[in-house]
């Protein structure tokens, strides 16, 4: 069983899920009248600034704990 591949896949999916939940309020707010075309993109980038490594670390730690727990029970 390719445990490393599954671990990385779970970490990646968890990272995407955490990031999307974090930026969801920004994605749902309507742009103000007269805003630039990339208004939402710029707001998402500003909201994620400095958080990418934190979310990646959380995803790796949680998926590592899941993998360790799964290894222990099987």
Protein backbone atom coordinates (compact mmCIF):
# COMPACT_ATOMS: atom_id res chain seq x y z
CA UNK A 1 0.00 0.00 0.00
CA UNK A 2 1.50 3.39 -0.98
CA UNK A 3 1.25 5.06 2.41
CA UNK A 4 3.39 8.09 1.54
CA UNK A 5 1.27 8.91 -1.49
CA UNK A 6 -1.95 8.62 0.48
CA UNK A 7 -0.46 10.76 3.26
CA UNK A 8 0.51 13.50 0.79
CA UNK A 9 -2.87 13.35 -0.94
CA UNK A 10 -4.74 13.68 2.36
CA UNK A 11 -2.45 16.57 3.41
CA UNK A 12 -3.05 18.37 0.10
CA UNK A 13 -6.83 17.94 0.22
CA UNK A 14 -6.90 19.07 3.84
CA UNK A 15 -4.78 22.13 2.98
CA UNK A 16 -7.17 23.10 0.17
CA UNK A 17 -10.20 22.58 2.44
CA UNK A 18 -8.75 24.68 5.29
CA UNK A 19 -7.72 27.44 2.89
CA UNK A 20 -11.09 27.54 1.15
CA UNK A 21 -12.96 27.70 4.46
CA UNK A 22 -10.69 30.55 5.59
CA UNK A 23 -11.26 32.66 2.45
CA UNK A 24 -14.96 31.81 2.06
CA UNK A 25 -16.21 35.05 3.70
CA UNK A 26 -14.03 37.04 1.30
CA UNK A 27 -15.32 35.10 -1.68
CA UNK A 28 -18.94 35.63 -0.66
CA UNK A 29 -18.79 39.40 -0.12
CA UNK A 30 -19.84 41.39 -3.18
CA UNK A 31 -17.31 43.82 -4.63
CA UNK A 32 -18.09 47.48 -4.09
CA UNK A 33 -19.37 49.52 -7.03
CA UNK A 34 -16.56 50.69 -9.28
CA UNK A 35 -14.09 48.08 -8.00
CA UNK A 36 -11.26 46.84 -10.21
CA UNK A 37 -11.75 43.62 -12.15
CA UNK A 38 -9.42 41.66 -9.87
CA UNK A 39 -10.91 42.96 -6.62
CA UNK A 40 -11.87 39.55 -5.18
CA UNK A 41 -8.56 38.00 -6.22
CA UNK A 42 -6.60 40.77 -4.52
CA UNK A 43 -8.68 40.46 -1.35
CA UNK A 44 -8.13 36.69 -1.22
CA UNK A 45 -4.38 37.14 -1.70
CA UNK A 46 -4.30 39.75 1.04
CA UNK A 47 -6.28 37.49 3.41
CA UNK A 48 -4.01 34.48 2.76
CA UNK A 49 -0.80 36.46 3.16
CA UNK A 50 1.31 34.82 5.85
CA UNK A 51 -1.14 31.98 6.42
CA UNK A 52 -0.10 29.50 3.73
CA UNK A 53 2.70 27.90 5.76
CA UNK A 54 0.51 27.76 8.86
CA UNK A 55 -2.27 25.97 6.98
CA UNK A 56 0.23 23.63 5.28
CA UNK A 57 1.73 22.74 8.66
CA UNK A 58 -1.69 22.10 10.17
CA UNK A 59 -2.62 19.88 7.21
CA UNK A 60 0.60 17.83 7.45
CA UNK A 61 0.33 17.43 11.24
CA UNK A 62 -3.32 16.37 11.11
CA UNK A 63 -2.80 13.94 8.23
CA UNK A 64 0.30 12.57 9.99
CA UNK A 65 -1.72 12.00 13.15
CA UNK A 66 -4.42 10.29 11.09
CA UNK A 67 -1.82 8.08 9.40
CA UNK A 68 -0.27 7.17 12.76
CA UNK A 69 -3.67 6.37 14.23
CA UNK A 70 -4.58 4.27 11.20
CA UNK A 71 -1.26 2.41 11.41
CA UNK A 72 -1.87 1.68 15.08
CA UNK A 73 -5.33 0.24 14.55
CA UNK A 74 -4.47 -1.96 11.56
